[in-house]
Amino acid sequence: MSREIEELQATLRQFAAERDWEQFHTPKNLAASLSIEAAEVLEHFQWLTDEQSRQLTGEQREKVGHEIADVLLYLLQLSDQLSIDPLAAAREKLAINAAKYPADKARGSSKKYTEL
């Protein structure tokens, strides 16, 4: 696992321990919190057009950045609780997706791999 991810996970463990929050950080609760925070990212784009979503103001970008950070932090806590290396899992999933969606068949298409 990446040294930076391990350090961030250690910082998150310390942060939770200092507040006696480990008792709440079950995989179920962390997964729920991750989903909630992901929805909060989406909330910032809810009524924007596609073009508006590409042209956020500095303040909007900062707010979205804070929500993205929340998503990342919960994801790292969940992966830590389950002893999953998130980078290894991402690389593995990318390889699976590459096999499901070969570039020559999937290029320019939003179809699911079963429809290519």
C-alpha atoms as a PDB file:
ATOM      1  CA  MET A   1       0.000   0.000   0.000  1.00  0.00           C
ATOM      2  CA  SER A   2       1.109   3.564  -0.628  1.00  0.00           C
ATOM      3  CA  ARG A   3       2.964   5.193   2.253  1.00  0.00           C
ATOM      4  CA  GLU A   4       0.769   8.297   1.932  1.00  0.00           C
ATOM      5  CA  ILE A   5      -2.425   6.269   2.229  1.00  0.00           C
ATOM      6  CA  GLU A   6      -1.066   4.364   5.220  1.00  0.00           C
ATOM      7  CA  GLU A   7      -0.127   7.655   6.890  1.00  0.00           C
ATOM      8  CA  LEU A   8      -3.540   9.155   6.223  1.00  0.00           C
ATOM      9  CA  GLN A   9      -5.255   6.049   7.592  1.00  0.00           C
ATOM     10  CA  ALA A  10      -3.069   6.249  10.715  1.00  0.00           C
ATOM     11  CA  THR A  11      -4.008   9.920  11.111  1.00  0.00           C
ATOM     12  CA  LEU A  12      -7.683   9.008  10.765  1.00  0.00           C
ATOM     13  CA  ARG A  13      -7.330   6.253  13.392  1.00  0.00           C
ATOM     14  CA  GLN A  14      -5.689   8.727  15.783  1.00  0.00           C
ATOM     15  CA  PHE A  15      -8.349  11.372  15.067  1.00  0.00           C
ATOM     16  CA  ALA A  16     -11.113   8.860  15.883  1.00  0.00           C
ATOM     17  CA  ALA A  17      -9.308   7.531  18.973  1.00  0.00           C
ATOM     18  CA  GLU A  18      -8.870  11.019  20.416  1.00  0.00           C
ATOM     19  CA  ARG A  19     -12.629  11.458  20.223  1.00  0.00           C
ATOM     20  CA  ASP A  20     -13.573   7.890  21.224  1.00  0.00           C
ATOM     21  CA  TRP A  21     -15.300   7.430  17.880  1.00  0.00           C
ATOM     22  CA  GLU A  22     -13.906   3.978  17.026  1.00  0.00           C
ATOM     23  CA  GLN A  23     -17.052   2.497  18.560  1.00  0.00           C
ATOM     24  CA  PHE A  24     -19.089   4.116  15.772  1.00  0.00           C
ATOM     25  CA  HIS A  25     -16.730   3.267  12.923  1.00  0.00           C
ATOM     26  CA  THR A  26     -18.103  -0.125  11.972  1.00  0.00           C
ATOM     27  CA  PRO A  27     -17.943  -1.118   8.307  1.00  0.00           C
ATOM     28  CA  LYS A  28     -21.721  -0.677   8.055  1.00  0.00           C
ATOM     29  CA  ASN A  29     -21.659   2.824   9.525  1.00  0.00           C
ATOM     30  CA  LEU A  30     -18.666   3.871   7.439  1.00  0.00           C
ATOM     31  CA  ALA A  31     -20.316   2.561   4.247  1.00  0.00           C
ATOM     32  CA  ALA A  32     -23.490   4.502   5.081  1.00  0.00           C
ATOM     33  CA  SER A  33     -21.485   7.652   5.794  1.00  0.00           C
ATOM     34  CA  LEU A  34     -19.575   7.229   2.538  1.00  0.00           C
ATOM     35  CA  SER A  35     -22.843   7.046   0.614  1.00  0.00           C
ATOM     36  CA  ILE A  36     -24.223  10.108   2.392  1.00  0.00           C
ATOM     37  CA  GLU A  37     -21.091  12.131   1.652  1.00  0.00           C
ATOM     38  CA  ALA A  38     -21.160  11.059  -2.009  1.00  0.00           C
ATOM     39  CA  ALA A  39     -24.724  12.366  -2.180  1.00  0.00           C
ATOM     40  CA  GLU A  40     -23.478  15.649  -0.730  1.00  0.00           C
ATOM     41  CA  VAL A  41     -21.022  15.919  -3.640  1.00  0.00           C
ATOM     42  CA  LEU A  42     -23.936  15.427  -6.017  1.00  0.00           C
ATOM     43  CA  GLU A  43     -26.010  18.060  -4.229  1.00  0.00           C
ATOM     44  CA  HIS A  44     -23.668  20.771  -5.496  1.00  0.00           C
ATOM     45  CA  PHE A  45     -24.500  19.809  -9.095  1.00  0.00           C
ATOM     46  CA  GLN A  46     -28.196  19.034  -8.635  1.00  0.00           C
ATOM     47  CA  TRP A  47     -29.683  21.899 -10.624  1.00  0.00           C
ATOM     48  CA  LEU A  48     -26.746  22.814 -12.848  1.00  0.00           C
ATOM     49  CA  THR A  49     -26.557  22.210 -16.553  1.00  0.00           C
ATOM     50  CA  ASP A  50     -23.697  20.099 -17.876  1.00  0.00           C
ATOM     51  CA  GLU A  51     -21.906  23.274 -18.937  1.00  0.00           C
ATOM     52  CA  GLN A  52     -22.432  24.979 -15.560  1.00  0.00           C
ATOM     53  CA  SER A  53     -21.036  21.905 -13.826  1.00  0.00           C
ATOM     54  CA  ARG A  54     -17.811  22.382 -15.791  1.00  0.00           C
ATOM     55  CA  GLN A  55     -17.484  26.050 -14.825  1.00  0.00           C
ATOM     56  CA  LEU A  56     -17.707  26.173 -11.040  1.00  0.00           C
ATOM     57  CA  THR A  57     -16.704  29.318  -9.209  1.00  0.00           C
ATOM     58  CA  GLY A  58     -13.768  29.196  -6.827  1.00  0.00           C
ATOM     59  CA  GLU A  59     -16.138  29.034  -3.868  1.00  0.00           C
ATOM     60  CA  GLN A  60     -18.142  26.208  -5.450  1.00  0.00           C
ATOM     61  CA  ARG A  61     -14.939  24.269  -6.198  1.00  0.00           C
ATOM     62  CA  GLU A  62     -13.820  24.671  -2.594  1.00  0.00           C
ATOM     63  CA  LYS A  63     -17.144  23.356  -1.280  1.00  0.00           C
ATOM     64  CA  VAL A  64     -17.098  20.405  -3.677  1.00  0.00           C
ATOM     65  CA  GLY A  65     -13.489  19.781  -2.678  1.00  0.00           C
ATOM     66  CA  HIS A  66     -14.480  19.518   0.975  1.00  0.00           C
ATOM     67  CA  GLU A  67     -17.177  16.978   0.104  1.00  0.00           C
ATOM     68  CA  ILE A  68     -14.730  15.008  -2.039  1.00  0.00           C
ATOM     69  CA  ALA A  69     -12.367  14.988   0.942  1.00  0.00           C
ATOM     70  CA  ASP A  70     -15.145  13.604   3.156  1.00  0.00           C
ATOM     71  CA  VAL A  71     -15.782  10.832   0.615  1.00  0.00           C
ATOM     72  CA  LEU A  72     -12.088   9.981   0.458  1.00  0.00           C
ATOM     73  CA  LEU A  73     -11.689   9.982   4.230  1.00  0.00           C
ATOM     74  CA  TYR A  74     -14.654   7.664   4.790  1.00  0.00           C
ATOM     75  CA  LEU A  75     -13.462   5.407   1.978  1.00  0.00           C
ATOM     76  CA  LEU A  76     -10.012   5.180   3.563  1.00  0.00           C
ATOM     77  CA  GLN A  77     -11.517   4.429   6.971  1.00  0.00           C
ATOM     78  CA  LEU A  78     -13.710   1.699   5.479  1.00  0.00           C
ATOM     79  CA  SER A  79     -10.811   0.155   3.588  1.00  0.00           C
ATOM     80  CA  ASP A  80      -8.715   0.301   6.777  1.00  0.00           C
ATOM     81  CA  GLN A  81     -11.430  -1.446   8.806  1.00  0.00           C
ATOM     82  CA  LEU A  82     -11.690  -4.203   6.182  1.00  0.00           C
ATOM     83  CA  SER A  83      -7.920  -4.476   5.534  1.00  0.00           C
ATOM     84  CA  ILE A  84      -8.387  -3.674   1.852  1.00  0.00           C
ATOM     85  CA  ASP A  85      -5.647  -1.854  -0.023  1.00  0.00           C
ATOM     86  CA  PRO A  86      -7.712   0.703  -1.959  1.00  0.00           C
ATOM     87  CA  LEU A  87      -5.027   1.260  -4.610  1.00  0.00           C
ATOM     88  CA  ALA A  88      -4.631  -2.470  -5.248  1.00  0.00           C
ATOM     89  CA  ALA A  89      -8.417  -2.850  -5.393  1.00  0.00           C
ATOM     90  CA  ALA A  90      -8.657   0.069  -7.850  1.00  0.00           C
ATOM     91  CA  ARG A  91      -5.936  -1.388 -10.096  1.00  0.00           C
ATOM     92  CA  GLU A  92      -7.644  -4.793 -10.047  1.00  0.00           C
ATOM     93  CA  LYS A  93     -11.034  -3.254 -10.861  1.00  0.00           C
ATOM     94  CA  LEU A  94      -9.539  -1.195 -13.692  1.00  0.00           C
ATOM     95  CA  ALA A  95      -8.123  -4.398 -15.223  1.00  0.00           C
ATOM     96  CA  ILE A  96     -11.524  -6.076 -14.903  1.00  0.00           C
ATOM     97  CA  ASN A  97     -13.211  -3.079 -16.559  1.00  0.00           C
ATOM     98  CA  ALA A  98     -10.639  -3.063 -19.361  1.00  0.00           C
ATOM     99  CA  ALA A  99     -11.543  -6.682 -20.126  1.00  0.00           C
ATOM    100  CA  LYS A 100     -15.282  -5.948 -19.967  1.00  0.00           C
ATOM    101  CA  TYR A 101     -15.008  -2.779 -22.052  1.00  0.00           C
ATOM    102  CA  PRO A 102     -12.397  -3.287 -24.771  1.00  0.00           C
ATOM    103  CA  ALA A 103     -11.548   0.093 -26.306  1.00  0.00           C
ATOM    104  CA  ASP A 104     -12.347  -1.056 -29.842  1.00  0.00           C
ATOM    105  CA  LYS A 105     -15.902  -1.999 -28.811  1.00  0.00           C
ATOM    106  CA  ALA A 106     -16.643   0.566 -26.097  1.00  0.00           C
ATOM    107  CA  ARG A 107     -15.176   3.724 -27.658  1.00  0.00           C
ATOM    108  CA  GLY A 108     -17.838   6.452 -27.745  1.00  0.00           C
ATOM    109  CA  SER A 109     -20.535   4.167 -26.308  1.00  0.00           C
ATOM    110  CA  SER A 110     -22.303   4.352 -22.959  1.00  0.00           C
ATOM    111  CA  LYS A 111     -23.697   0.830 -23.320  1.00  0.00           C
ATOM    112  CA  LYS A 112     -23.170  -1.708 -20.573  1.00  0.00           C
ATOM    113  CA  TYR A 113     -20.558  -4.343 -21.337  1.00  0.00           C
ATOM    114  CA  THR A 114     -23.283  -6.973 -21.823  1.00  0.00           C
ATOM    115  CA  GLU A 115     -24.659  -4.879 -24.726  1.00  0.00           C
ATOM    116  CA  LEU A 116     -21.417  -4.223 -26.606  1.00  0.00           C
END
